[in-house]
Amino acid sequence: MNADHDFLQKMLGEQCYNASEPFIPDSYRIGLSGACRIEKEATACENRLLKVNWVTLFEADVIAANATGNQAAILDQCIEGLHEEGVDHAFTSRLAAAIFALLIISIFLNVGALAVAAWTGSGFIKPVFIIELVDEMILVTCIGIFIGIINHEVGRYIPDTLRLRDVDDKQILGVGFWMLVAMFATRAVSHPLLFITTLVVALIVVIVPILLLLACCCGGDRREEVVIDIRHRINGMYGAEEWEK
């Protein structure tokens, strides 16, 4: 996750951002194993295993600044406002732990696939395909959880006055997300049958919602015909006057 000045300005608002700007780094970069404060001159990193949380980093820098007077009052209100959002950062940590565990399983699956391929002399046999398919499913799950973490850690802090299109999702996601996407893409093309399976699933995911939308939008006349036909049948059985009653 990447939280730079543009991100902080949008999340905090002008007043809070202007008061905190002298005390915060150029950006915060947060991953599963730690977090870094990026400056033009230097980069300082710390071990923060499974703590994907930009708020605590920002709060620590603001408190360490020891601001005084009106600036201190603004920063206190800013931190209090962040706490009032009630974001469950412990839940984020559990999601990060899930990704961490799944990636460890993925490593073992990759080793297993290599071992089976080396033992049998072929990387395209069914056991290798099954292992790689499970690995691909794990990577898709990791990508989904990662997006969930970002939504949880960022979404609640987006001001009501800010339009969602004004938030640069690609910038916030950071390098870790694109590494997961690259791992998934590499896995998808690693086996011909796996590539075909991935392509078919992707087409289904795209086509089925379109077909459902077309059915909802274009099926209105047919539904009216069915309703009218049923009304005529009932009128024929009980008579129009009884039906109206």
C-alpha atoms as a PDB file:
ATOM      1  CA  MET A   1       0.000   0.000   0.000  1.00  0.00           C
ATOM      2  CA  ASN A   2       1.255   3.463  -0.919  1.00  0.00           C
ATOM      3  CA  ALA A   3       0.122   6.626   0.898  1.00  0.00           C
ATOM      4  CA  ASP A   4       1.759   9.733  -0.551  1.00  0.00           C
ATOM      5  CA  HIS A   5       1.027  13.423  -0.005  1.00  0.00           C
ATOM      6  CA  ASP A   6      -1.711  13.479  -2.642  1.00  0.00           C
ATOM      7  CA  PHE A   7      -3.445  10.576  -0.873  1.00  0.00           C
ATOM      8  CA  LEU A   8      -3.076  12.150   2.578  1.00  0.00           C
ATOM      9  CA  GLN A   9      -4.345  15.509   1.363  1.00  0.00           C
ATOM     10  CA  LYS A  10      -7.520  13.896   0.040  1.00  0.00           C
ATOM     11  CA  MET A  11      -8.083  11.688   3.079  1.00  0.00           C
ATOM     12  CA  LEU A  12      -7.281  14.294   5.751  1.00  0.00           C
ATOM     13  CA  GLY A  13      -8.649  17.465   4.212  1.00  0.00           C
ATOM     14  CA  GLU A  14      -6.830  20.725   3.559  1.00  0.00           C
ATOM     15  CA  GLN A  15      -6.645  22.010   7.130  1.00  0.00           C
ATOM     16  CA  CYS A  16      -5.358  18.795   8.659  1.00  0.00           C
ATOM     17  CA  TYR A  17      -2.963  18.151   5.800  1.00  0.00           C
ATOM     18  CA  ASN A  18      -1.472  21.652   5.935  1.00  0.00           C
ATOM     19  CA  ALA A  19      -0.910  21.340   9.687  1.00  0.00           C
ATOM     20  CA  SER A  20       0.766  17.924   9.386  1.00  0.00           C
ATOM     21  CA  GLU A  21       2.688  18.412   6.125  1.00  0.00           C
ATOM     22  CA  PRO A  22       5.980  19.554   7.761  1.00  0.00           C
ATOM     23  CA  PHE A  23       6.102  16.414   9.935  1.00  0.00           C
ATOM     24  CA  ILE A  24       5.281  13.598   7.509  1.00  0.00           C
ATOM     25  CA  PRO A  25       7.494  11.891   4.892  1.00  0.00           C
ATOM     26  CA  ASP A  26       6.985  12.057   1.152  1.00  0.00           C
ATOM     27  CA  SER A  27       5.073   8.798   1.336  1.00  0.00           C
ATOM     28  CA  TYR A  28       4.306   5.753   3.470  1.00  0.00           C
ATOM     29  CA  ARG A  29       4.789   2.352   1.853  1.00  0.00           C
ATOM     30  CA  ILE A  30       3.261  -0.504   3.775  1.00  0.00           C
ATOM     31  CA  GLY A  31       3.487  -4.227   3.141  1.00  0.00           C
ATOM     32  CA  LEU A  32       2.955  -7.533   4.897  1.00  0.00           C
ATOM     33  CA  SER A  33       6.367  -7.531   6.572  1.00  0.00           C
ATOM     34  CA  GLY A  34       6.905  -3.866   7.392  1.00  0.00           C
ATOM     35  CA  ALA A  35       6.483  -0.210   6.533  1.00  0.00           C
ATOM     36  CA  CYS A  36       8.783   2.477   5.121  1.00  0.00           C
ATOM     37  CA  ARG A  37       8.840   6.244   5.335  1.00  0.00           C
ATOM     38  CA  ILE A  38      10.079   7.474   1.968  1.00  0.00           C
ATOM     39  CA  GLU A  39      11.993  10.766   1.835  1.00  0.00           C
ATOM     40  CA  LYS A  40      13.978  12.349  -0.977  1.00  0.00           C
ATOM     41  CA  GLU A  41      17.189  12.057   1.051  1.00  0.00           C
ATOM     42  CA  ALA A  42      16.665   8.721   2.766  1.00  0.00           C
ATOM     43  CA  THR A  43      14.273   5.853   3.439  1.00  0.00           C
ATOM     44  CA  ALA A  44      13.547   4.546   6.939  1.00  0.00           C
ATOM     45  CA  CYS A  45      11.862   1.160   7.324  1.00  0.00           C
ATOM     46  CA  GLU A  46      10.607  -0.712  10.350  1.00  0.00           C
ATOM     47  CA  ASN A  47       9.393  -4.219  11.036  1.00  0.00           C
ATOM     48  CA  ARG A  48       5.587  -4.194  11.233  1.00  0.00           C
ATOM     49  CA  LEU A  49       4.618  -7.760  10.429  1.00  0.00           C
ATOM     50  CA  LEU A  50       1.029  -7.995   9.118  1.00  0.00           C
ATOM     51  CA  LYS A  51       0.149  -4.389  10.107  1.00  0.00           C
ATOM     52  CA  VAL A  52      -1.172  -2.806   6.924  1.00  0.00           C
ATOM     53  CA  ASN A  53      -2.203   0.444   8.579  1.00  0.00           C
ATOM     54  CA  TRP A  54      -1.226   3.938   7.435  1.00  0.00           C
ATOM     55  CA  VAL A  55      -3.091   5.728  10.234  1.00  0.00           C
ATOM     56  CA  THR A  56      -0.782   4.552  13.033  1.00  0.00           C
ATOM     57  CA  LEU A  57       2.260   5.680  11.026  1.00  0.00           C
ATOM     58  CA  PHE A  58       0.759   9.107  10.458  1.00  0.00           C
ATOM     59  CA  GLU A  59      -0.300   9.392  14.097  1.00  0.00           C
ATOM     60  CA  ALA A  60       3.171   8.406  15.341  1.00  0.00           C
ATOM     61  CA  ASP A  61       4.825  11.092  13.196  1.00  0.00           C
ATOM     62  CA  VAL A  62       2.378  13.776  14.293  1.00  0.00           C
ATOM     63  CA  ILE A  63       2.785  12.940  17.991  1.00  0.00           C
ATOM     64  CA  ALA A  64       6.584  12.869  17.676  1.00  0.00           C
ATOM     65  CA  ALA A  65       6.544  16.332  16.095  1.00  0.00           C
ATOM     66  CA  ASN A  66       5.486  17.988  19.391  1.00  0.00           C
ATOM     67  CA  ALA A  67       3.566  20.744  17.617  1.00  0.00           C
ATOM     68  CA  THR A  68       2.395  23.707  19.680  1.00  0.00           C
ATOM     69  CA  GLY A  69      -0.370  26.291  19.672  1.00  0.00           C
ATOM     70  CA  ASN A  70      -3.055  26.284  17.010  1.00  0.00           C
ATOM     71  CA  GLN A  71      -1.188  23.722  14.925  1.00  0.00           C
ATOM     72  CA  ALA A  72      -1.231  21.232  17.815  1.00  0.00           C
ATOM     73  CA  ALA A  73      -4.979  21.764  18.300  1.00  0.00           C
ATOM     74  CA  ILE A  74      -5.659  21.106  14.611  1.00  0.00           C
ATOM     75  CA  LEU A  75      -3.569  17.937  14.653  1.00  0.00           C
ATOM     76  CA  ASP A  76      -5.348  16.670  17.775  1.00  0.00           C
ATOM     77  CA  GLN A  77      -8.703  17.181  16.058  1.00  0.00           C
ATOM     78  CA  CYS A  78      -7.346  15.431  12.969  1.00  0.00           C
ATOM     79  CA  ILE A  79      -6.252  12.330  14.886  1.00  0.00           C
ATOM     80  CA  GLU A  80      -9.494  12.285  16.839  1.00  0.00           C
ATOM     81  CA  GLY A  81     -11.425  12.405  13.561  1.00  0.00           C
ATOM     82  CA  LEU A  82      -9.469   9.432  12.217  1.00  0.00           C
ATOM     83  CA  HIS A  83     -10.247   7.443  15.366  1.00  0.00           C
ATOM     84  CA  GLU A  84     -13.944   8.296  15.100  1.00  0.00           C
ATOM     85  CA  GLU A  85     -14.149   6.415  11.801  1.00  0.00           C
ATOM     86  CA  GLY A  86     -13.922   3.214  13.852  1.00  0.00           C
ATOM     87  CA  VAL A  87     -11.905   1.194  11.342  1.00  0.00           C
ATOM     88  CA  ASP A  88     -11.082  -2.253  12.724  1.00  0.00           C
ATOM     89  CA  HIS A  89      -7.349  -2.460  12.034  1.00  0.00           C
ATOM     90  CA  ALA A  90      -7.161  -5.821  13.814  1.00  0.00           C
ATOM     91  CA  PHE A  91      -9.428  -7.233  11.101  1.00  0.00           C
ATOM     92  CA  THR A  92      -6.998  -5.914   8.488  1.00  0.00           C
ATOM     93  CA  SER A  93      -4.167  -7.695  10.278  1.00  0.00           C
ATOM     94  CA  ARG A  94      -6.113 -10.956  10.131  1.00  0.00           C
ATOM     95  CA  LEU A  95      -6.649 -10.518   6.405  1.00  0.00           C
ATOM     96  CA  ALA A  96      -2.929  -9.822   5.978  1.00  0.00           C
ATOM     97  CA  ALA A  97      -2.148 -12.990   7.958  1.00  0.00           C
ATOM     98  CA  ALA A  98      -4.417 -14.923   5.581  1.00  0.00           C
ATOM     99  CA  ILE A  99      -2.481 -13.626   2.549  1.00  0.00           C
ATOM    100  CA  PHE A 100       0.807 -14.436   4.265  1.00  0.00           C
ATOM    101  CA  ALA A 101      -0.316 -18.009   4.978  1.00  0.00           C
ATOM    102  CA  LEU A 102      -1.651 -18.508   1.444  1.00  0.00           C
ATOM    103  CA  LEU A 103       1.597 -17.274  -0.085  1.00  0.00           C
ATOM    104  CA  ILE A 104       3.564 -19.744   2.033  1.00  0.00           C
ATOM    105  CA  ILE A 105       1.285 -22.520   0.778  1.00  0.00           C
ATOM    106  CA  SER A 106       1.861 -21.226  -2.763  1.00  0.00           C
ATOM    107  CA  ILE A 107       5.618 -21.557  -2.300  1.00  0.00           C
ATOM    108  CA  PHE A 108       5.267 -25.185  -1.228  1.00  0.00           C
ATOM    109  CA  LEU A 109       2.947 -25.882  -4.168  1.00  0.00           C
ATOM    110  CA  ASN A 110       5.510 -24.452  -6.590  1.00  0.00           C
ATOM    111  CA  VAL A 111       8.212 -26.634  -5.080  1.00  0.00           C
ATOM    112  CA  GLY A 112       5.862 -29.615  -5.283  1.00  0.00           C
ATOM    113  CA  ALA A 113       5.071 -28.920  -8.948  1.00  0.00           C
ATOM    114  CA  LEU A 114       8.779 -28.737  -9.779  1.00  0.00           C
ATOM    115  CA  ALA A 115       9.471 -31.946  -7.878  1.00  0.00           C
ATOM    116  CA  VAL A 116       6.681 -33.848  -9.658  1.00  0.00           C
ATOM    117  CA  ALA A 117       7.798 -32.506 -13.046  1.00  0.00           C
ATOM    118  CA  ALA A 118      11.408 -33.500 -12.350  1.00  0.00           C
ATOM    119  CA  TRP A 119      10.373 -36.952 -11.100  1.00  0.00           C
ATOM    120  CA  THR A 120       8.133 -37.753 -14.055  1.00  0.00           C
ATOM    121  CA  GLY A 121      10.209 -35.969 -16.672  1.00  0.00           C
ATOM    122  CA  SER A 122       7.298 -33.804 -17.874  1.00  0.00           C
ATOM    123  CA  GLY A 123       5.877 -30.484 -16.713  1.00  0.00           C
ATOM    124  CA  PHE A 124       2.563 -30.946 -18.537  1.00  0.00           C
ATOM    125  CA  ILE A 125       1.131 -34.063 -16.911  1.00  0.00           C
ATOM    126  CA  LYS A 126      -2.143 -34.078 -14.961  1.00  0.00           C
ATOM    127  CA  PRO A 127      -0.660 -34.014 -11.401  1.00  0.00           C
ATOM    128  CA  VAL A 128       1.372 -30.900 -12.287  1.00  0.00           C
ATOM    129  CA  PHE A 129      -1.717 -29.267 -13.794  1.00  0.00           C
ATOM    130  CA  ILE A 130      -3.755 -29.919 -10.636  1.00  0.00           C
ATOM    131  CA  ILE A 131      -1.033 -28.465  -8.398  1.00  0.00           C
ATOM    132  CA  GLU A 132      -0.683 -25.390 -10.597  1.00  0.00           C
ATOM    133  CA  LEU A 133      -4.469 -24.946 -10.761  1.00  0.00           C
ATOM    134  CA  VAL A 134      -4.673 -24.907  -6.944  1.00  0.00           C
ATOM    135  CA  ASP A 135      -1.775 -22.442  -6.869  1.00  0.00           C
ATOM    136  CA  GLU A 136      -3.559 -20.159  -9.335  1.00  0.00           C
ATOM    137  CA  MET A 137      -6.730 -20.259  -7.242  1.00  0.00           C
ATOM    138  CA  ILE A 138      -4.672 -19.278  -4.182  1.00  0.00           C
ATOM    139  CA  LEU A 139      -3.158 -16.321  -6.055  1.00  0.00           C
ATOM    140  CA  VAL A 140      -6.605 -15.139  -7.175  1.00  0.00           C
ATOM    141  CA  THR A 141      -7.749 -15.367  -3.554  1.00  0.00           C
ATOM    142  CA  CYS A 142      -4.724 -13.334  -2.430  1.00  0.00           C
ATOM    143  CA  ILE A 143      -5.511 -10.624  -4.983  1.00  0.00           C
ATOM    144  CA  GLY A 144      -9.117 -10.474  -3.773  1.00  0.00           C
ATOM    145  CA  ILE A 145      -8.075 -10.248  -0.122  1.00  0.00           C
ATOM    146  CA  PHE A 146      -5.507  -7.560  -0.967  1.00  0.00           C
ATOM    147  CA  ILE A 147      -8.192  -5.439  -2.631  1.00  0.00           C
ATOM    148  CA  GLY A 148     -10.397  -6.028   0.429  1.00  0.00           C
ATOM    149  CA  ILE A 149      -7.628  -4.768   2.718  1.00  0.00           C
ATOM    150  CA  ILE A 150      -7.209  -1.575   0.689  1.00  0.00           C
ATOM    151  CA  ASN A 151     -10.970  -0.968   0.638  1.00  0.00           C
ATOM    152  CA  HIS A 152     -11.136  -1.500   4.401  1.00  0.00           C
ATOM    153  CA  GLU A 153      -8.141   0.698   5.220  1.00  0.00           C
ATOM    154  CA  VAL A 154      -8.928   3.479   2.760  1.00  0.00           C
ATOM    155  CA  GLY A 155     -12.640   3.419   2.000  1.00  0.00           C
ATOM    156  CA  ARG A 156     -13.834   4.514   5.443  1.00  0.00           C
ATOM    157  CA  TYR A 157     -11.534   7.547   5.374  1.00  0.00           C
ATOM    158  CA  ILE A 158     -12.703   8.889   2.011  1.00  0.00           C
ATOM    159  CA  PRO A 159     -14.602  12.145   2.737  1.00  0.00           C
ATOM    160  CA  ASP A 160     -18.212  12.384   1.598  1.00  0.00           C
ATOM    161  CA  THR A 161     -17.305  15.448  -0.470  1.00  0.00           C
ATOM    162  CA  LEU A 162     -14.700  13.501  -2.459  1.00  0.00           C
ATOM    163  CA  ARG A 163     -15.685  11.677  -5.619  1.00  0.00           C
ATOM    164  CA  LEU A 164     -14.393   8.115  -5.928  1.00  0.00           C
ATOM    165  CA  ARG A 165     -12.909   8.849  -9.346  1.00  0.00           C
ATOM    166  CA  ASP A 166     -10.669  11.447  -7.691  1.00  0.00           C
ATOM    167  CA  VAL A 167      -8.917   8.661  -5.744  1.00  0.00           C
ATOM    168  CA  ASP A 168      -6.096   6.990  -7.700  1.00  0.00           C
ATOM    169  CA  ASP A 169      -6.623   3.306  -6.926  1.00  0.00           C
ATOM    170  CA  LYS A 170      -3.586   2.180  -8.905  1.00  0.00           C
ATOM    171  CA  GLN A 171      -1.325   4.520  -6.938  1.00  0.00           C
ATOM    172  CA  ILE A 172      -2.691   3.355  -3.576  1.00  0.00           C
ATOM    173  CA  LEU A 173      -2.365  -0.357  -4.367  1.00  0.00           C
ATOM    174  CA  GLY A 174       1.406  -0.147  -4.557  1.00  0.00           C
ATOM    175  CA  VAL A 175       4.026  -2.587  -5.812  1.00  0.00           C
ATOM    176  CA  GLY A 176       2.812  -5.587  -3.790  1.00  0.00           C
ATOM    177  CA  PHE A 177      -0.494  -5.762  -5.638  1.00  0.00           C
ATOM    178  CA  TRP A 178       1.142  -5.685  -9.061  1.00  0.00           C
ATOM    179  CA  MET A 179       3.568  -8.387  -7.969  1.00  0.00           C
ATOM    180  CA  LEU A 180       0.593 -10.594  -7.101  1.00  0.00           C
ATOM    181  CA  VAL A 181      -0.959  -9.865 -10.500  1.00  0.00           C
ATOM    182  CA  ALA A 182       2.345 -10.713 -12.201  1.00  0.00           C
ATOM    183  CA  MET A 183       2.559 -13.987 -10.250  1.00  0.00           C
ATOM    184  CA  PHE A 184      -0.984 -14.870 -11.302  1.00  0.00           C
ATOM    185  CA  ALA A 185      -0.301 -14.051 -14.962  1.00  0.00           C
ATOM    186  CA  THR A 186       2.912 -16.094 -14.921  1.00  0.00           C
ATOM    187  CA  ARG A 187       1.108 -19.045 -13.377  1.00  0.00           C
ATOM    188  CA  ALA A 188      -1.742 -18.798 -15.906  1.00  0.00           C
ATOM    189  CA  VAL A 189       0.619 -19.151 -18.887  1.00  0.00           C
ATOM    190  CA  SER A 190       2.845 -21.783 -17.289  1.00  0.00           C
ATOM    191  CA  HIS A 191       0.704 -24.697 -18.520  1.00  0.00           C
ATOM    192  CA  PRO A 192      -1.279 -24.844 -21.789  1.00  0.00           C
ATOM    193  CA  LEU A 193      -4.322 -26.476 -20.193  1.00  0.00           C
ATOM    194  CA  LEU A 194      -4.188 -24.037 -17.287  1.00  0.00           C
ATOM    195  CA  PHE A 195      -4.084 -21.125 -19.716  1.00  0.00           C
ATOM    196  CA  ILE A 196      -7.150 -22.437 -21.548  1.00  0.00           C
ATOM    197  CA  THR A 197      -8.974 -22.983 -18.241  1.00  0.00           C
ATOM    198  CA  THR A 198      -8.145 -19.460 -17.093  1.00  0.00           C
ATOM    199  CA  LEU A 199      -9.289 -17.998 -20.407  1.00  0.00           C
ATOM    200  CA  VAL A 200     -12.599 -19.894 -20.307  1.00  0.00           C
ATOM    201  CA  VAL A 201     -13.301 -18.814 -16.713  1.00  0.00           C
ATOM    202  CA  ALA A 202     -12.438 -15.196 -17.580  1.00  0.00           C
ATOM    203  CA  LEU A 203     -14.827 -15.256 -20.549  1.00  0.00           C
ATOM    204  CA  ILE A 204     -17.595 -16.737 -18.398  1.00  0.00           C
ATOM    205  CA  VAL A 205     -17.069 -14.059 -15.747  1.00  0.00           C
ATOM    206  CA  VAL A 206     -17.364 -11.360 -18.418  1.00  0.00           C
ATOM    207  CA  ILE A 207     -20.147 -12.846 -20.557  1.00  0.00           C
ATOM    208  CA  VAL A 208     -22.580 -14.119 -17.891  1.00  0.00           C
ATOM    209  CA  PRO A 209     -23.246 -10.675 -16.309  1.00  0.00           C
ATOM    210  CA  ILE A 210     -23.743  -9.210 -19.807  1.00  0.00           C
ATOM    211  CA  LEU A 211     -26.255 -11.931 -20.670  1.00  0.00           C
ATOM    212  CA  LEU A 212     -28.096 -11.355 -17.401  1.00  0.00           C
ATOM    213  CA  LEU A 213     -28.278  -7.619 -18.090  1.00  0.00           C
ATOM    214  CA  LEU A 214     -29.574  -8.261 -21.614  1.00  0.00           C
ATOM    215  CA  ALA A 215     -32.164 -10.669 -20.236  1.00  0.00           C
ATOM    216  CA  CYS A 216     -33.343  -8.080 -17.721  1.00  0.00           C
ATOM    217  CA  CYS A 217     -33.380  -5.217 -20.232  1.00  0.00           C
ATOM    218  CA  CYS A 218     -34.812  -7.042 -23.241  1.00  0.00           C
ATOM    219  CA  GLY A 219     -37.093  -9.544 -21.548  1.00  0.00           C
ATOM    220  CA  GLY A 220     -39.751  -7.021 -20.510  1.00  0.00           C
ATOM    221  CA  ASP A 221     -42.093  -7.611 -23.471  1.00  0.00           C
ATOM    222  CA  ARG A 222     -42.028 -11.347 -22.910  1.00  0.00           C
ATOM    223  CA  ARG A 223     -42.915 -10.924 -19.236  1.00  0.00           C
ATOM    224  CA  GLU A 224     -45.851  -8.687 -20.177  1.00  0.00           C
ATOM    225  CA  GLU A 225     -47.076 -11.327 -22.642  1.00  0.00           C
ATOM    226  CA  VAL A 226     -46.974 -13.976 -19.913  1.00  0.00           C
ATOM    227  CA  VAL A 227     -48.858 -11.753 -17.457  1.00  0.00           C
ATOM    228  CA  ILE A 228     -51.493 -10.873 -20.046  1.00  0.00           C
ATOM    229  CA  ASP A 229     -51.904 -14.533 -21.014  1.00  0.00           C
ATOM    230  CA  ILE A 230     -52.395 -15.540 -17.369  1.00  0.00           C
ATOM    231  CA  ARG A 231     -54.984 -12.763 -16.861  1.00  0.00           C
ATOM    232  CA  HIS A 232     -56.913 -13.960 -19.927  1.00  0.00           C
ATOM    233  CA  ARG A 233     -56.893 -17.537 -18.650  1.00  0.00           C
ATOM    234  CA  ILE A 234     -58.183 -16.462 -15.239  1.00  0.00           C
ATOM    235  CA  ASN A 235     -60.877 -14.292 -16.827  1.00  0.00           C
ATOM    236  CA  GLY A 236     -61.957 -17.273 -18.881  1.00  0.00           C
ATOM    237  CA  MET A 237     -62.173 -19.525 -15.817  1.00  0.00           C
ATOM    238  CA  TYR A 238     -63.879 -17.179 -13.344  1.00  0.00           C
ATOM    239  CA  GLY A 239     -65.252 -14.351 -15.435  1.00  0.00           C
ATOM    240  CA  ALA A 240     -64.009 -10.818 -15.688  1.00  0.00           C
ATOM    241  CA  GLU A 241     -66.290  -9.477 -12.933  1.00  0.00           C
ATOM    242  CA  GLU A 242     -65.136 -12.016 -10.332  1.00  0.00           C
ATOM    243  CA  TRP A 243     -61.471 -11.400 -11.272  1.00  0.00           C
ATOM    244  CA  GLU A 244     -61.882  -7.648 -10.798  1.00  0.00           C
ATOM    245  CA  LYS A 245     -63.354  -8.326  -7.338  1.00  0.00           C
END
